[in-house]
């Protein structure tokens, strides 16, 4: 997004998850499989019902975006607004 400071770019980006459509059943199953294989499936939640949305910080490096650490994972915030 391009524009002067204060024009609403960050506000719009932060609200993006609220306008995404809910997951369909096949998308929910596929997303759950990915999270399960990575060991990131939330406890007590056998099936993910909301669309994942990633929000890396604007100062993130290329290496940080790809991931690192042990186990490797990207440096980001994860959002889920619980719509089903």
PDB file of N, CA and C in Angstrom:
ATOM      1  N   UNK A   1       0.835  -1.171   0.000  1.00  0.00           N
ATOM      2  CA  UNK A   1       0.000   0.000   0.000  1.00  0.00           C
ATOM      3  C   UNK A   1       0.881   1.236   0.000  1.00  0.00           C
ATOM      4  N   UNK A   2       0.417   2.242  -0.674  1.00  0.00           N
ATOM      5  CA  UNK A   2       1.192   3.462  -0.814  1.00  0.00           C
ATOM      6  C   UNK A   2       0.320   4.644  -0.406  1.00  0.00           C
ATOM      7  N   UNK A   3       0.905   5.581   0.279  1.00  0.00           N
ATOM      8  CA  UNK A   3       0.195   6.787   0.674  1.00  0.00           C
ATOM      9  C   UNK A   3       0.935   7.503   1.772  1.00  0.00           C
ATOM     10  N   UNK A   4       0.521   8.730   2.035  1.00  0.00           N
ATOM     11  CA  UNK A   4       1.203   9.502   3.076  1.00  0.00           C
ATOM     12  C   UNK A   4       0.894   8.969   4.466  1.00  0.00           C
ATOM     13  N   UNK A   5       1.729   9.299   5.445  1.00  0.00           N
ATOM     14  CA  UNK A   5       1.457   8.885   6.817  1.00  0.00           C
ATOM     15  C   UNK A   5       0.080   9.388   7.263  1.00  0.00           C
ATOM     16  N   UNK A   6      -0.643   8.526   7.968  1.00  0.00           N
ATOM     17  CA  UNK A   6      -1.945   8.918   8.487  1.00  0.00           C
ATOM     18  C   UNK A   6      -3.103   8.746   7.526  1.00  0.00           C
ATOM     19  N   UNK A   7      -2.843   8.149   6.354  1.00  0.00           N
ATOM     20  CA  UNK A   7      -3.925   7.994   5.368  1.00  0.00           C
ATOM     21  C   UNK A   7      -4.734   6.719   5.578  1.00  0.00           C
ATOM     22  N   UNK A   8      -4.339   5.862   6.538  1.00  0.00           N
ATOM     23  CA  UNK A   8      -5.137   4.685   6.862  1.00  0.00           C
ATOM     24  C   UNK A   8      -4.620   3.365   6.332  1.00  0.00           C
ATOM     25  N   UNK A   9      -3.384   3.313   5.855  1.00  0.00           N
ATOM     26  CA  UNK A   9      -2.833   2.068   5.304  1.00  0.00           C
ATOM     27  C   UNK A   9      -2.768   0.973   6.374  1.00  0.00           C
ATOM     28  N   UNK A  10      -2.220   1.289   7.527  1.00  0.00           N
ATOM     29  CA  UNK A  10      -2.093   0.301   8.605  1.00  0.00           C
ATOM     30  C   UNK A  10      -3.455  -0.106   9.129  1.00  0.00           C
ATOM     31  N   UNK A  11      -4.350   0.844   9.301  1.00  0.00           N
ATOM     32  CA  UNK A  11      -5.693   0.536   9.791  1.00  0.00           C
ATOM     33  C   UNK A  11      -6.392  -0.433   8.842  1.00  0.00           C
ATOM     34  N   UNK A  12      -6.298  -0.181   7.545  1.00  0.00           N
ATOM     35  CA  UNK A  12      -6.913  -1.061   6.558  1.00  0.00           C
ATOM     36  C   UNK A  12      -6.290  -2.455   6.601  1.00  0.00           C
ATOM     37  N   UNK A  13      -4.967  -2.521   6.697  1.00  0.00           N
ATOM     38  CA  UNK A  13      -4.275  -3.812   6.741  1.00  0.00           C
ATOM     39  C   UNK A  13      -4.669  -4.605   7.988  1.00  0.00           C
ATOM     40  N   UNK A  14      -4.814  -3.942   9.128  1.00  0.00           N
ATOM     41  CA  UNK A  14      -5.185  -4.632  10.365  1.00  0.00           C
ATOM     42  C   UNK A  14      -6.614  -5.144  10.341  1.00  0.00           C
ATOM     43  N   UNK A  15      -7.462  -4.557   9.532  1.00  0.00           N
ATOM     44  CA  UNK A  15      -8.854  -4.991   9.461  1.00  0.00           C
ATOM     45  C   UNK A  15      -9.116  -6.023   8.373  1.00  0.00           C
ATOM     46  N   UNK A  16      -8.112  -6.331   7.592  1.00  0.00           N
ATOM     47  CA  UNK A  16      -8.251  -7.309   6.511  1.00  0.00           C
ATOM     48  C   UNK A  16      -8.842  -8.640   6.977  1.00  0.00           C
ATOM     49  N   UNK A  17      -8.399  -9.199   8.119  1.00  0.00           N
ATOM     50  CA  UNK A  17      -8.960 -10.495   8.531  1.00  0.00           C
ATOM     51  C   UNK A  17     -10.470 -10.458   8.756  1.00  0.00           C
ATOM     52  N   UNK A  18     -11.012  -9.313   9.118  1.00  0.00           N
ATOM     53  CA  UNK A  18     -12.447  -9.251   9.417  1.00  0.00           C
ATOM     54  C   UNK A  18     -13.312  -9.269   8.167  1.00  0.00           C
ATOM     55  N   UNK A  19     -12.720  -9.016   6.990  1.00  0.00           N
ATOM     56  CA  UNK A  19     -13.521  -9.034   5.769  1.00  0.00           C
ATOM     57  C   UNK A  19     -13.275 -10.276   4.912  1.00  0.00           C
ATOM     58  N   UNK A  20     -12.374 -11.144   5.362  1.00  0.00           N
ATOM     59  CA  UNK A  20     -12.138 -12.388   4.639  1.00  0.00           C
ATOM     60  C   UNK A  20     -13.325 -13.328   4.831  1.00  0.00           C
ATOM     61  N   UNK A  21     -13.674 -14.108   3.808  1.00  0.00           N
ATOM     62  CA  UNK A  21     -14.797 -15.034   3.961  1.00  0.00           C
ATOM     63  C   UNK A  21     -14.436 -16.188   4.895  1.00  0.00           C
ATOM     64  N   UNK A  22     -15.453 -16.815   5.507  1.00  0.00           N
ATOM     65  CA  UNK A  22     -15.189 -17.971   6.367  1.00  0.00           C
ATOM     66  C   UNK A  22     -14.593 -19.126   5.550  1.00  0.00           C
ATOM     67  N   UNK A  23     -13.910 -20.020   6.232  1.00  0.00           N
ATOM     68  CA  UNK A  23     -13.357 -21.203   5.569  1.00  0.00           C
ATOM     69  C   UNK A  23     -14.484 -22.124   5.101  1.00  0.00           C
ATOM     70  N   UNK A  24     -14.307 -22.705   3.927  1.00  0.00           N
ATOM     71  CA  UNK A  24     -15.210 -23.755   3.487  1.00  0.00           C
ATOM     72  C   UNK A  24     -14.764 -25.051   4.167  1.00  0.00           C
ATOM     73  N   UNK A  25     -15.584 -26.076   4.110  1.00  0.00           N
ATOM     74  CA  UNK A  25     -15.223 -27.348   4.754  1.00  0.00           C
ATOM     75  C   UNK A  25     -13.907 -27.915   4.207  1.00  0.00           C
ATOM     76  N   UNK A  26     -13.716 -27.989   2.862  1.00  0.00           N
ATOM     77  CA  UNK A  26     -12.431 -28.507   2.363  1.00  0.00           C
ATOM     78  C   UNK A  26     -11.234 -27.633   2.762  1.00  0.00           C
ATOM     79  N   UNK A  27     -11.415 -26.304   2.792  1.00  0.00           N
ATOM     80  CA  UNK A  27     -10.330 -25.416   3.209  1.00  0.00           C
ATOM     81  C   UNK A  27     -10.006 -25.620   4.684  1.00  0.00           C
ATOM     82  N   UNK A  28     -11.031 -25.821   5.496  1.00  0.00           N
ATOM     83  CA  UNK A  28     -10.835 -26.054   6.927  1.00  0.00           C
ATOM     84  C   UNK A  28     -10.035 -27.327   7.169  1.00  0.00           C
ATOM     85  N   UNK A  29     -10.363 -28.373   6.443  1.00  0.00           N
ATOM     86  CA  UNK A  29      -9.646 -29.651   6.582  1.00  0.00           C
ATOM     87  C   UNK A  29      -8.190 -29.504   6.140  1.00  0.00           C
ATOM     88  N   UNK A  30      -7.976 -28.831   4.995  1.00  0.00           N
ATOM     89  CA  UNK A  30      -6.609 -28.650   4.486  1.00  0.00           C
ATOM     90  C   UNK A  30      -5.781 -27.795   5.442  1.00  0.00           C
ATOM     91  N   UNK A  31      -6.359 -26.726   5.969  1.00  0.00           N
ATOM     92  CA  UNK A  31      -5.658 -25.849   6.907  1.00  0.00           C
ATOM     93  C   UNK A  31      -5.332 -26.593   8.197  1.00  0.00           C
ATOM     94  N   UNK A  32      -6.273 -27.380   8.680  1.00  0.00           N
ATOM     95  CA  UNK A  32      -6.054 -28.165   9.889  1.00  0.00           C
ATOM     96  C   UNK A  32      -4.926 -29.169   9.684  1.00  0.00           C
ATOM     97  N   UNK A  33      -4.866 -29.794   8.522  1.00  0.00           N
ATOM     98  CA  UNK A  33      -3.784 -30.746   8.230  1.00  0.00           C
ATOM     99  C   UNK A  33      -2.421 -30.073   8.294  1.00  0.00           C
ATOM    100  N   UNK A  34      -2.329 -28.880   7.722  1.00  0.00           N
ATOM    101  CA  UNK A  34      -1.053 -28.156   7.714  1.00  0.00           C
ATOM    102  C   UNK A  34      -0.636 -27.795   9.132  1.00  0.00           C
ATOM    103  N   UNK A  35      -1.564 -27.207   9.897  1.00  0.00           N
ATOM    104  CA  UNK A  35      -1.249 -26.826  11.274  1.00  0.00           C
ATOM    105  C   UNK A  35      -0.893 -28.050  12.111  1.00  0.00           C
ATOM    106  N   UNK A  36      -1.585 -29.168  11.897  1.00  0.00           N
ATOM    107  CA  UNK A  36      -1.317 -30.392  12.637  1.00  0.00           C
ATOM    108  C   UNK A  36       0.072 -30.938  12.315  1.00  0.00           C
ATOM    109  N   UNK A  37       0.433 -30.955  11.034  1.00  0.00           N
ATOM    110  CA  UNK A  37       1.746 -31.454  10.624  1.00  0.00           C
ATOM    111  C   UNK A  37       2.871 -30.605  11.204  1.00  0.00           C
ATOM    112  N   UNK A  38       2.621 -29.302  11.397  1.00  0.00           N
ATOM    113  CA  UNK A  38       3.623 -28.401  11.959  1.00  0.00           C
ATOM    114  C   UNK A  38       3.612 -28.396  13.485  1.00  0.00           C
ATOM    115  N   UNK A  39       2.647 -29.121  14.079  1.00  0.00           N
ATOM    116  CA  UNK A  39       2.533 -29.145  15.526  1.00  0.00           C
ATOM    117  C   UNK A  39       1.978 -27.857  16.092  1.00  0.00           C
ATOM    118  N   UNK A  40       1.225 -27.095  15.291  1.00  0.00           N
ATOM    119  CA  UNK A  40       0.704 -25.805  15.730  1.00  0.00           C
ATOM    120  C   UNK A  40      -0.815 -25.812  15.889  1.00  0.00           C
ATOM    121  N   UNK A  41      -1.422 -26.973  15.904  1.00  0.00           N
ATOM    122  CA  UNK A  41      -2.868 -27.068  16.082  1.00  0.00           C
ATOM    123  C   UNK A  41      -3.195 -26.703  17.529  1.00  0.00           C
ATOM    124  N   UNK A  42      -4.063 -25.706  17.748  1.00  0.00           N
ATOM    125  CA  UNK A  42      -4.389 -25.305  19.114  1.00  0.00           C
ATOM    126  C   UNK A  42      -4.992 -26.457  19.921  1.00  0.00           C
ATOM    127  N   UNK A  43      -4.628 -26.538  21.198  1.00  0.00           N
ATOM    128  CA  UNK A  43      -5.139 -27.604  22.071  1.00  0.00           C
ATOM    129  C   UNK A  43      -6.655 -27.510  22.176  1.00  0.00           C
ATOM    130  N   UNK A  44      -7.313 -28.655  22.096  1.00  0.00           N
ATOM    131  CA  UNK A  44      -8.763 -28.700  22.224  1.00  0.00           C
ATOM    132  C   UNK A  44      -9.510 -28.214  21.004  1.00  0.00           C
ATOM    133  N   UNK A  45      -8.816 -27.998  19.908  1.00  0.00           N
ATOM    134  CA  UNK A  45      -9.466 -27.534  18.679  1.00  0.00           C
ATOM    135  C   UNK A  45      -9.126 -28.514  17.560  1.00  0.00           C
ATOM    136  N   UNK A  46      -9.955 -29.548  17.371  1.00  0.00           N
ATOM    137  CA  UNK A  46      -9.627 -30.577  16.397  1.00  0.00           C
ATOM    138  C   UNK A  46      -9.745 -30.119  14.943  1.00  0.00           C
ATOM    139  N   UNK A  47     -10.489 -29.023  14.692  1.00  0.00           N
ATOM    140  CA  UNK A  47     -10.668 -28.536  13.322  1.00  0.00           C
ATOM    141  C   UNK A  47     -10.639 -27.012  13.330  1.00  0.00           C
ATOM    142  N   UNK A  48      -9.756 -26.417  12.526  1.00  0.00           N
ATOM    143  CA  UNK A  48      -9.683 -24.957  12.459  1.00  0.00           C
ATOM    144  C   UNK A  48     -10.907 -24.419  11.717  1.00  0.00           C
ATOM    145  N   UNK A  49     -11.526 -23.400  12.264  1.00  0.00           N
ATOM    146  CA  UNK A  49     -12.749 -22.861  11.679  1.00  0.00           C
ATOM    147  C   UNK A  49     -12.573 -21.453  11.129  1.00  0.00           C
ATOM    148  N   UNK A  50     -11.420 -20.820  11.384  1.00  0.00           N
ATOM    149  CA  UNK A  50     -11.228 -19.469  10.860  1.00  0.00           C
ATOM    150  C   UNK A  50     -10.036 -19.433   9.915  1.00  0.00           C
ATOM    151  N   UNK A  51     -10.114 -18.522   8.972  1.00  0.00           N
ATOM    152  CA  UNK A  51      -9.081 -18.367   7.959  1.00  0.00           C
ATOM    153  C   UNK A  51      -7.824 -17.776   8.595  1.00  0.00           C
ATOM    154  N   UNK A  52      -6.670 -18.423   8.427  1.00  0.00           N
ATOM    155  CA  UNK A  52      -5.441 -17.866   9.007  1.00  0.00           C
ATOM    156  C   UNK A  52      -5.033 -16.588   8.283  1.00  0.00           C
ATOM    157  N   UNK A  53      -4.478 -15.656   9.014  1.00  0.00           N
ATOM    158  CA  UNK A  53      -4.015 -14.389   8.440  1.00  0.00           C
ATOM    159  C   UNK A  53      -2.684 -14.065   9.082  1.00  0.00           C
ATOM    160  N   UNK A  54      -1.667 -13.841   8.287  1.00  0.00           N
ATOM    161  CA  UNK A  54      -0.321 -13.573   8.789  1.00  0.00           C
ATOM    162  C   UNK A  54      -0.046 -12.082   8.744  1.00  0.00           C
ATOM    163  N   UNK A  55       0.665 -11.602   9.748  1.00  0.00           N
ATOM    164  CA  UNK A  55       0.945 -10.177   9.842  1.00  0.00           C
ATOM    165  C   UNK A  55       2.395  -9.945  10.270  1.00  0.00           C
ATOM    166  N   UNK A  56       3.346 -10.123   9.340  1.00  0.00           N
ATOM    167  CA  UNK A  56       4.740  -9.865   9.720  1.00  0.00           C
ATOM    168  C   UNK A  56       4.965  -8.370   9.932  1.00  0.00           C
ATOM    169  N   UNK A  57       5.864  -8.026  10.843  1.00  0.00           N
ATOM    170  CA  UNK A  57       6.176  -6.624  11.117  1.00  0.00           C
ATOM    171  C   UNK A  57       6.822  -6.001   9.884  1.00  0.00           C
ATOM    172  N   UNK A  58       6.573  -4.726   9.666  1.00  0.00           N
ATOM    173  CA  UNK A  58       7.090  -4.073   8.460  1.00  0.00           C
ATOM    174  C   UNK A  58       8.610  -4.000   8.398  1.00  0.00           C
ATOM    175  N   UNK A  59       9.299  -4.210   9.515  1.00  0.00           N
ATOM    176  CA  UNK A  59      10.759  -4.154   9.517  1.00  0.00           C
ATOM    177  C   UNK A  59      11.395  -5.536   9.435  1.00  0.00           C
ATOM    178  N   UNK A  60      10.605  -6.566   9.170  1.00  0.00           N
ATOM    179  CA  UNK A  60      11.122  -7.939   9.157  1.00  0.00           C
ATOM    180  C   UNK A  60      12.172  -8.112   8.049  1.00  0.00           C
ATOM    181  N   UNK A  61      13.203  -8.876   8.353  1.00  0.00           N
ATOM    182  CA  UNK A  61      14.240  -9.164   7.356  1.00  0.00           C
ATOM    183  C   UNK A  61      13.786 -10.337   6.490  1.00  0.00           C
ATOM    184  N   UNK A  62      14.459 -10.546   5.372  1.00  0.00           N
ATOM    185  CA  UNK A  62      14.147 -11.692   4.513  1.00  0.00           C
ATOM    186  C   UNK A  62      14.323 -12.996   5.284  1.00  0.00           C
ATOM    187  N   UNK A  63      15.389 -13.087   6.071  1.00  0.00           N
ATOM    188  CA  UNK A  63      15.645 -14.303   6.846  1.00  0.00           C
ATOM    189  C   UNK A  63      14.548 -14.517   7.884  1.00  0.00           C
ATOM    190  N   UNK A  64      14.090 -13.452   8.512  1.00  0.00           N
ATOM    191  CA  UNK A  64      13.034 -13.570   9.498  1.00  0.00           C
ATOM    192  C   UNK A  64      11.708 -13.976   8.885  1.00  0.00           C
ATOM    193  N   UNK A  65      11.438 -13.508   7.677  1.00  0.00           N
ATOM    194  CA  UNK A  65      10.194 -13.851   6.995  1.00  0.00           C
ATOM    195  C   UNK A  65      10.170 -15.322   6.606  1.00  0.00           C
ATOM    196  N   UNK A  66      11.319 -15.835   6.167  1.00  0.00           N
ATOM    197  CA  UNK A  66      11.410 -17.240   5.790  1.00  0.00           C
ATOM    198  C   UNK A  66      11.329 -18.126   7.024  1.00  0.00           C
ATOM    199  N   UNK A  67      11.946 -17.690   8.094  1.00  0.00           N
ATOM    200  CA  UNK A  67      11.881 -18.439   9.347  1.00  0.00           C
ATOM    201  C   UNK A  67      13.242 -18.823   9.843  1.00  0.00           C
ATOM    202  N   UNK A  68      13.286 -19.130  11.098  1.00  0.00           N
ATOM    203  CA  UNK A  68      14.534 -19.526  11.702  1.00  0.00           C
ATOM    204  C   UNK A  68      14.258 -20.082  13.078  1.00  0.00           C
ATOM    205  N   UNK A  69      15.296 -20.386  13.790  1.00  0.00           N
ATOM    206  CA  UNK A  69      15.143 -20.909  15.138  1.00  0.00           C
ATOM    207  C   UNK A  69      15.002 -22.412  15.146  1.00  0.00           C
ATOM    208  N   UNK A  70      14.687 -22.935  16.313  1.00  0.00           N
ATOM    209  CA  UNK A  70      14.522 -24.373  16.456  1.00  0.00           C
ATOM    210  C   UNK A  70      13.288 -24.654  17.291  1.00  0.00           C
ATOM    211  N   UNK A  71      12.227 -25.158  16.729  1.00  0.00           N
ATOM    212  CA  UNK A  71      12.032 -25.487  15.324  1.00  0.00           C
ATOM    213  C   UNK A  71      11.850 -24.222  14.486  1.00  0.00           C
ATOM    214  N   UNK A  72      12.184 -24.289  13.199  1.00  0.00           N
ATOM    215  CA  UNK A  72      12.071 -23.105  12.345  1.00  0.00           C
ATOM    216  C   UNK A  72      10.630 -22.597  12.287  1.00  0.00           C
ATOM    217  N   UNK A  73      10.472 -21.284  12.413  1.00  0.00           N
ATOM    218  CA  UNK A  73       9.159 -20.673  12.270  1.00  0.00           C
ATOM    219  C   UNK A  73       9.324 -19.207  11.904  1.00  0.00           C
ATOM    220  N   UNK A  74       8.391 -18.669  11.111  1.00  0.00           N
ATOM    221  CA  UNK A  74       8.500 -17.253  10.746  1.00  0.00           C
ATOM    222  C   UNK A  74       8.217 -16.362  11.945  1.00  0.00           C
ATOM    223  N   UNK A  75       8.792 -15.173  11.948  1.00  0.00           N
ATOM    224  CA  UNK A  75       8.589 -14.208  13.017  1.00  0.00           C
ATOM    225  C   UNK A  75       7.405 -13.330  12.633  1.00  0.00           C
ATOM    226  N   UNK A  76       6.237 -13.618  13.207  1.00  0.00           N
ATOM    227  CA  UNK A  76       5.032 -12.911  12.815  1.00  0.00           C
ATOM    228  C   UNK A  76       3.963 -13.027  13.885  1.00  0.00           C
ATOM    229  N   UNK A  77       2.940 -12.205  13.728  1.00  0.00           N
ATOM    230  CA  UNK A  77       1.752 -12.327  14.555  1.00  0.00           C
ATOM    231  C   UNK A  77       0.757 -13.172  13.776  1.00  0.00           C
ATOM    232  N   UNK A  78      -0.020 -13.968  14.479  1.00  0.00           N
ATOM    233  CA  UNK A  78      -1.027 -14.793  13.831  1.00  0.00           C
ATOM    234  C   UNK A  78      -2.385 -14.326  14.314  1.00  0.00           C
ATOM    235  N   UNK A  79      -3.300 -14.150  13.383  1.00  0.00           N
ATOM    236  CA  UNK A  79      -4.607 -13.645  13.722  1.00  0.00           C
ATOM    237  C   UNK A  79      -5.696 -14.636  13.351  1.00  0.00           C
ATOM    238  N   UNK A  80      -6.696 -14.712  14.194  1.00  0.00           N
ATOM    239  CA  UNK A  80      -7.883 -15.500  13.907  1.00  0.00           C
ATOM    240  C   UNK A  80      -9.042 -14.800  14.599  1.00  0.00           C
ATOM    241  N   UNK A  81     -10.025 -14.429  13.844  1.00  0.00           N
ATOM    242  CA  UNK A  81     -11.115 -13.657  14.415  1.00  0.00           C
ATOM    243  C   UNK A  81     -12.326 -14.511  14.744  1.00  0.00           C
ATOM    244  N   UNK A  82     -12.187 -15.836  14.722  1.00  0.00           N
ATOM    245  CA  UNK A  82     -13.191 -16.725  15.259  1.00  0.00           C
ATOM    246  C   UNK A  82     -14.522 -16.779  14.537  1.00  0.00           C
ATOM    247  N   UNK A  83     -14.574 -16.325  13.309  1.00  0.00           N
ATOM    248  CA  UNK A  83     -15.827 -16.450  12.574  1.00  0.00           C
ATOM    249  C   UNK A  83     -15.921 -17.862  12.022  1.00  0.00           C
ATOM    250  N   UNK A  84     -17.110 -18.433  12.072  1.00  0.00           N
ATOM    251  CA  UNK A  84     -17.284 -19.785  11.538  1.00  0.00           C
ATOM    252  C   UNK A  84     -18.299 -19.788  10.432  1.00  0.00           C
TER     253      UNK A  84
END
